[in-house]
Protein backbone atom coordinates (compact mmCIF):
# COMPACT_ATOMS: atom_id res chain seq x y z
CA MET A 1 107.56 92.98 83.23
CA ALA A 2 110.72 92.39 84.51
CA LYS A 3 113.28 90.09 82.03
CA PHE A 4 115.99 87.94 83.28
CA ILE A 5 119.28 89.29 83.96
CA PRO A 6 122.77 87.11 83.72
CA LEU A 7 125.08 87.89 86.26
CA THR A 8 128.39 86.36 87.07
CA VAL A 9 129.09 84.42 90.44
CA THR A 10 132.13 86.62 91.51
CA ASP A 11 132.77 85.57 95.26
CA ILE A 12 131.76 82.52 97.04
CA HIS A 13 132.30 82.37 100.79
CA PRO A 14 131.08 80.20 103.56
CA THR A 15 128.85 82.71 106.61
CA THR A 16 127.98 79.24 108.64
CA ALA A 17 128.56 75.57 107.94
CA ASP A 18 126.13 75.23 105.90
CA ALA A 19 125.16 78.54 104.53
CA ILE A 20 126.79 81.11 102.31
CA ALA A 21 127.25 84.05 100.27
CA VAL A 22 126.97 85.23 96.94
CA ARG A 23 128.30 87.90 95.26
CA LEU A 24 126.93 88.95 91.76
CA LYS A 25 127.41 91.19 88.85
CA PRO A 26 125.77 91.89 85.90
CA VAL A 27 127.87 90.32 82.89
CA ASP A 28 127.69 92.98 81.20
CA GLY A 29 129.74 95.26 83.61
CA SER A 30 126.56 97.68 84.58
CA THR A 31 125.19 97.99 87.61
CA LEU A 32 122.00 96.56 89.39
CA PRO A 33 120.38 98.69 91.72
CA PHE A 34 118.64 97.61 94.20
CA THR A 35 116.43 98.57 97.17
CA GLN A 36 117.50 97.97 100.41
CA GLY A 37 115.89 94.61 101.94
CA GLN A 38 114.50 93.61 98.14
CA TYR A 39 115.75 89.87 96.59
CA LEU A 40 116.77 87.96 93.63
CA THR A 41 114.74 85.56 92.34
CA PHE A 42 116.88 83.31 89.83
CA ARG A 43 116.21 80.57 87.80
CA THR A 44 118.61 77.76 86.47
CA GLU A 45 118.24 73.86 85.46
CA ILE A 46 118.44 70.89 87.17
CA ASP A 47 117.78 67.95 85.77
CA GLY A 48 116.05 68.95 83.10
CA THR A 49 113.67 71.33 84.98
CA GLU A 50 113.75 74.76 85.23
CA ILE A 51 113.93 75.57 89.13
CA ARG A 52 113.11 79.03 90.22
CA ARG A 53 113.70 80.53 93.64
CA ALA A 54 114.04 83.94 95.77
CA TYR A 55 116.46 85.14 97.68
CA SER A 56 117.05 88.15 99.46
CA ILE A 57 119.46 90.32 99.09
CA CYS A 58 122.20 91.49 102.55
CA ALA A 59 124.43 93.78 100.78
CA GLY A 60 123.79 97.37 101.80
CA VAL A 61 122.76 100.30 98.62
CA THR A 62 126.48 102.13 98.83
CA ASP A 63 128.30 98.51 98.84
CA GLU A 64 128.32 98.55 94.55
CA THR A 65 128.33 94.65 94.90
CA LEU A 66 124.98 92.28 94.73
CA GLU A 67 125.23 89.83 97.54
CA VAL A 68 122.14 86.95 98.89
CA GLY A 69 122.75 84.29 101.57
CA ILE A 70 122.08 80.78 100.21
CA LYS A 71 120.88 78.47 103.51
CA LYS A 72 121.48 75.06 102.64
CA VAL A 73 118.12 73.09 103.08
CA LYS A 74 117.20 69.26 103.29
CA GLY A 75 115.67 68.58 100.44
CA GLY A 76 116.13 72.11 98.28
CA ALA A 77 116.44 71.81 95.01
CA PHE A 78 118.12 74.98 94.22
CA SER A 79 119.68 75.60 98.00
CA ASN A 80 122.00 72.43 97.43
CA TRP A 81 122.74 73.56 93.90
CA ALA A 82 124.64 76.67 94.85
CA HIS A 83 126.05 74.70 97.21
CA ASP A 84 127.82 71.88 95.59
CA THR A 85 127.37 73.46 92.17
CA LEU A 86 128.11 76.84 91.96
CA LYS A 87 131.61 78.55 91.41
CA PRO A 88 132.63 82.04 91.09
CA GLY A 89 132.76 83.07 87.29
CA ASP A 90 129.95 80.99 86.47
CA THR A 91 127.14 83.27 85.01
CA ILE A 92 123.51 82.76 86.64
CA GLU A 93 119.73 84.39 85.50
CA ALA A 94 117.56 86.79 87.98
CA LEU A 95 115.06 89.08 87.49
CA SER A 96 115.68 92.54 88.32
CA PRO A 97 115.26 93.19 91.99
CA MET A 98 111.71 92.74 93.71
CA GLY A 99 109.80 93.60 97.31
CA ALA A 100 108.63 96.26 99.23
CA PHE A 101 110.84 95.16 102.93
CA HIS A 102 110.99 98.80 103.01
CA THR A 103 110.80 102.15 103.78
CA PRO A 104 112.26 105.85 101.94
CA LEU A 105 115.88 106.06 103.85
CA SER A 106 117.36 109.84 103.45
CA PRO A 107 120.29 111.83 104.65
CA ASN A 108 118.63 114.34 106.58
CA GLN A 109 116.59 111.59 109.31
CA ALA A 110 117.42 110.80 112.56
CA LYS A 111 115.18 107.68 113.62
CA HIS A 112 115.17 104.58 114.76
CA TYR A 113 115.02 100.84 113.77
CA LEU A 114 114.35 97.98 115.03
CA GLY A 115 115.64 94.37 113.20
CA PHE A 116 113.82 90.90 114.13
CA ALA A 117 115.47 88.26 112.20
CA ILE A 118 115.61 84.29 113.17
CA GLY A 119 118.34 82.27 111.14
CA SER A 120 118.06 82.72 107.47
CA GLY A 121 115.68 85.50 107.79
CA ILE A 122 118.83 87.86 108.79
CA THR A 123 119.64 88.47 105.09
CA PRO A 124 117.66 90.92 104.22
CA VAL A 125 117.14 92.85 107.41
CA LEU A 126 121.76 92.69 106.92
CA SER A 127 121.05 94.98 103.51
CA ILE A 128 119.10 96.99 105.72
CA LEU A 129 120.98 97.60 108.93
CA ARG A 130 124.40 98.32 106.63
CA SER A 131 121.87 100.90 103.85
CA VAL A 132 121.05 102.95 106.99
CA LEU A 133 124.05 102.71 108.71
CA ALA A 134 125.66 103.48 105.16
CA VAL A 135 122.58 106.76 103.80
CA GLU A 136 121.11 107.42 107.51
CA PRO A 137 124.39 109.19 109.99
CA HIS A 138 122.03 110.24 112.38
CA SER A 139 120.61 106.74 112.16
CA ARG A 140 120.45 103.90 114.97
CA PHE A 141 120.19 100.30 114.75
CA THR A 142 119.05 97.59 117.01
CA LEU A 143 119.09 94.57 115.86
CA ILE A 144 117.75 91.27 117.96
CA TYR A 145 118.50 87.55 116.33
CA ALA A 146 117.36 85.47 117.41
CA ASN A 147 119.26 81.57 116.02
CA ARG A 148 119.56 77.22 117.81
CA ALA A 149 123.50 77.96 118.30
CA ALA A 150 126.15 80.55 117.91
CA ARG A 151 127.73 77.90 115.15
CA ASP A 152 124.13 79.04 113.00
CA VAL A 153 124.64 82.91 113.01
CA MET A 154 124.81 83.71 109.27
CA PHE A 155 127.03 86.92 108.96
CA ARG A 156 128.25 86.62 112.59
CA GLU A 157 131.61 88.39 112.09
CA GLU A 158 129.98 90.50 109.82
CA LEU A 159 127.64 92.15 111.97
CA GLU A 160 130.85 92.54 115.04
CA ASP A 161 132.29 94.54 112.04
CA LEU A 162 129.44 96.62 111.92
CA LYS A 163 128.68 96.57 115.92
CA ASN A 164 132.62 98.45 116.51
CA GLU A 165 132.44 100.62 113.77
CA ASN A 166 129.42 102.34 114.51
CA MET A 167 129.51 101.45 118.25
CA GLY A 168 126.34 104.30 119.91
CA ARG A 169 124.55 103.79 116.83
CA LEU A 170 124.25 100.01 116.69
CA ASN A 171 123.06 97.53 119.15
CA ILE A 172 122.29 93.42 118.19
CA VAL A 173 120.68 91.66 120.38
CA HIS A 174 121.39 87.64 119.78
CA ILE A 175 119.24 85.24 120.86
CA LEU A 176 120.37 81.72 121.41
CA LYS A 177 118.22 78.77 121.69
CA ASN A 178 121.04 76.03 122.96
CA ASP A 179 123.64 77.80 124.08
CA PRO A 180 123.36 79.63 127.46
CA GLN A 181 124.76 83.18 127.38
CA GLY A 182 124.96 83.74 131.13
CA ILE A 183 121.45 85.79 130.91
CA ASP A 184 118.35 84.11 130.91
CA LEU A 185 116.34 86.33 128.81
CA PHE A 186 118.90 85.77 125.86
CA THR A 187 118.83 81.57 126.09
CA GLY A 188 115.09 79.78 124.55
CA ARG A 189 112.91 81.12 122.13
CA ILE A 190 111.09 83.65 121.06
CA ASP A 191 107.86 84.28 123.30
CA ALA A 192 105.03 86.37 124.33
CA ASP A 193 107.17 86.82 127.90
CA LYS A 194 110.61 86.89 126.77
CA LEU A 195 109.85 89.66 124.01
CA GLU A 196 107.31 91.57 127.24
CA GLN A 197 110.73 91.54 129.61
CA MET A 198 112.56 92.86 126.32
CA PHE A 199 111.00 95.97 125.73
CA LYS A 200 110.85 96.80 129.03
CA ALA A 201 114.82 95.75 129.92
CA TRP A 202 116.58 96.49 126.87
CA VAL A 203 114.51 97.78 123.64
CA PRO A 204 112.73 101.06 124.80
CA VAL A 205 109.62 100.27 121.54
CA THR A 206 108.17 103.90 122.49
CA SER A 207 112.17 105.41 121.44
CA ALA A 208 111.75 103.27 117.11
CA ASP A 209 110.38 104.40 114.49
CA ALA A 210 109.68 101.11 113.03
CA ALA A 211 110.89 97.74 112.87
CA PHE A 212 111.80 94.67 110.01
CA ILE A 213 110.51 91.23 111.46
CA CYS A 214 111.69 88.34 109.02
CA GLY A 215 111.20 84.94 109.62
CA PRO A 216 108.55 82.55 110.38
CA GLU A 217 105.24 83.24 110.46
CA PRO A 218 103.81 82.22 114.22
CA ALA A 219 107.34 84.28 115.83
CA MET A 220 106.73 87.01 113.11
CA ARG A 221 102.64 87.40 114.38
CA THR A 222 103.69 87.16 117.95
CA ILE A 223 106.87 90.31 117.61
CA ALA A 224 104.38 92.19 116.15
CA GLU A 225 101.59 91.88 118.40
CA SER A 226 104.18 92.13 121.12
CA LEU A 227 105.16 95.58 119.85
CA GLN A 228 101.57 97.06 118.70
CA ALA A 229 101.05 95.87 122.59
CA HIS A 230 103.83 98.68 123.38
CA GLY A 231 102.74 101.13 121.35
CA MET A 232 104.24 100.67 118.26
CA PRO A 233 101.69 101.22 114.64
CA LYS A 234 100.88 98.01 112.65
CA ASN A 235 102.01 100.03 109.70
CA ALA A 236 105.28 101.13 110.58
CA ILE A 237 105.80 97.32 111.34
CA LYS A 238 107.24 95.37 107.78
CA TYR A 239 106.93 92.24 107.34
CA GLU A 240 109.13 89.50 105.04
CA LEU A 241 108.54 85.73 106.08
CA PHE A 242 110.86 82.57 104.68
CA ALA A 243 109.70 79.37 103.90
CA SER A 244 112.02 77.33 104.11
CA ALA A 245 110.43 73.61 102.74
CA GLN A 246 110.18 75.08 99.82
CA THR A 247 111.91 73.31 96.60
CA GLY A 248 111.28 76.07 93.63
CA GLN A 249 109.33 74.05 91.86
CA LEU A 250 105.78 74.26 90.65
CA PRO A 251 102.76 72.37 92.60
CA GLN A 252 102.93 68.46 91.35
CA ARG A 253 99.52 68.45 90.00
CA LYS A 254 98.93 69.07 86.03
CA VAL A 255 95.69 69.78 84.11
CA THR A 256 95.26 69.05 81.02
CA ASP A 257 93.59 71.43 78.69
CA ASP A 258 90.19 69.12 78.13
CA GLU A 259 89.51 70.26 81.74
CA ALA A 260 90.35 73.86 81.25
CA THR A 261 86.98 74.90 81.02
CA GLY A 262 85.64 77.02 84.03
CA THR A 263 86.76 80.64 83.45
CA ARG A 264 87.68 81.91 80.08
CA ALA A 265 90.74 84.65 81.59
CA THR A 266 92.52 87.20 79.55
CA ILE A 267 95.95 87.73 80.66
CA ILE A 268 97.97 90.93 79.63
CA LEU A 269 101.79 90.74 80.04
CA ASP A 270 104.14 93.17 78.38
CA GLY A 271 100.88 94.90 76.98
CA THR A 272 100.18 91.86 74.90
CA ALA A 273 96.92 90.31 75.97
CA GLN A 274 96.19 86.63 75.16
CA GLU A 275 93.29 84.48 76.28
CA VAL A 276 93.30 81.50 78.49
CA ASP A 277 91.18 78.73 79.80
CA VAL A 278 91.50 78.02 83.46
CA ALA A 279 90.09 74.61 85.11
CA PRO A 280 88.71 75.21 88.31
CA GLY A 281 90.26 75.64 91.01
CA GLU A 282 93.54 76.01 89.27
CA THR A 283 95.54 79.15 89.93
CA ILE A 284 96.27 82.43 87.12
CA LEU A 285 99.45 81.07 86.87
CA ALA A 286 99.96 77.22 86.34
CA ALA A 287 97.18 78.44 83.77
CA ALA A 288 99.42 81.07 82.78
CA LEU A 289 102.14 78.78 82.25
CA ARG A 290 100.41 75.46 80.88
CA ALA A 291 99.30 77.83 77.41
CA GLY A 292 103.69 78.48 77.28
CA LEU A 293 103.14 82.47 78.62
CA ASP A 294 106.06 83.39 80.26
CA ALA A 295 104.45 84.94 83.45
CA PRO A 296 107.42 85.90 86.65
CA TYR A 297 107.39 83.19 89.27
CA ALA A 298 109.47 82.03 92.41
CA CYS A 299 107.78 80.47 95.01
CA THR A 300 105.05 80.11 94.06
CA ALA A 301 103.88 79.74 97.80
CA GLY A 302 102.00 82.96 98.31
CA VAL A 303 105.42 83.91 99.99
CA CYS A 304 107.50 86.31 97.71
CA SER A 305 105.42 88.73 95.41
CA THR A 306 107.51 87.87 92.30
CA CYS A 307 103.72 86.83 90.18
CA MET A 308 101.90 89.33 91.10
CA CYS A 309 99.50 90.87 89.36
CA THR A 310 95.98 93.48 88.96
CA VAL A 311 92.93 92.67 88.70
CA ARG A 312 91.02 94.79 85.69
CA ASP A 313 88.16 92.60 85.76
CA GLY A 314 86.09 89.88 87.40
CA ALA A 315 87.22 88.12 90.65
CA ALA A 316 89.85 85.72 92.19
CA GLU A 317 90.07 84.58 95.86
CA MET A 318 94.07 83.88 96.80
CA LEU A 319 94.14 80.46 98.64
CA THR A 320 96.97 82.26 101.10
CA ASN A 321 98.64 85.76 101.28
CA HIS A 322 101.98 85.93 103.30
CA ALA A 323 103.66 89.07 100.79
CA LEU A 324 100.81 91.69 99.69
CA GLU A 325 99.74 94.40 102.09
CA ASP A 326 96.10 95.20 102.70
CA TYR A 327 96.16 98.50 100.50
CA GLU A 328 97.47 96.30 98.11
CA VAL A 329 94.58 93.63 97.54
CA ALA A 330 91.75 96.77 98.37
CA ARG A 331 93.63 97.82 94.96
CA GLY A 332 92.51 94.39 93.13
CA VAL A 333 96.44 93.03 93.13
CA VAL A 334 96.85 89.43 94.29
CA LEU A 335 99.16 86.53 93.88
CA SER A 336 99.01 85.07 90.62
CA CYS A 337 100.20 81.93 91.89
CA GLN A 338 97.31 81.62 95.05
CA ALA A 339 94.59 83.03 92.81
CA VAL A 340 91.89 81.22 91.75
CA PRO A 341 89.70 82.57 90.07
CA THR A 342 85.44 82.96 91.24
CA GLY A 343 84.00 83.76 87.97
CA ASP A 344 83.04 82.66 84.42
CA THR A 345 85.37 85.13 83.42
CA ILE A 346 88.45 87.50 84.66
CA THR A 347 91.13 90.07 83.15
CA VAL A 348 94.71 90.85 84.81
CA GLU A 349 97.45 92.36 84.26
CA TYR A 350 101.00 91.09 85.25
CA LEU A 351 102.55 94.54 86.69
CA ASP A 352 106.00 95.97 86.06
CA HIS A 353 108.20 95.25 89.01
């Protein structure tokens, strides 16, 4: 089971008026390996309440640092705390890097990757982009990055530097909803018609080996459908959903021990099994936390995969799933924050990330 690791904040700098980049390192001076496109799950206490939030790593795998981008969200407990309170020298805890928003890299590969990012969805895509350029010298990357206006473009200077350093290998297309750019194709929202024109004139999908999409779900679905319509296999398209409205807190309804009589669950954490009663309609994660188990979680919205576990016996239905691939679900993996048991008994085991 992944454990929380204390990290020291080494630097904080703005990347837009409402977004910051936070650099970190383990307090013991060690390194914390990660794979491009993964995220860190942070936890802190705000006004007596534990808050957890997952933020994507935006550093490349060869950068010898950890870095995350945090955009300030109205009503967002963690993002507002990070912007207003966090400073260099502070210590914050995070789980080991997690996530499957990546494909294997190799110096011998010569591939063409597509990246689609909307707003703060640039953070994991930037990690992948940086890593590809550093690890695969014969590969190239095309980034389509959509924002409301030029002032909202996170990591604009970093992207321009990368483009200048990798002429011929990195192509960046900015789409701005509100700022005219002289070419109608690059102004407005990303929709099916715009993608159709772009794929015909600017981005040859048939030359691409894989695509990475990060942003709101409707836009990601439109992009994925357009890519498949232009010949990209479904298994070559990777997704990372951002749910910017999350506060990082658990659902407000509390279940009392007297109510918890629906299902008898055996929950295995770190090889140790404990029996817990799950109330009708209650999720496995909610029951585990109510029983005092240190089950891993972050968003509690079915977006990240921090809380995933495997159903060893019995069955459960997920209310929402924005994080697991079809093959993982077929193997019995569920998001415990969304998984509701469907029988009298169930056994689940939390995965060792």
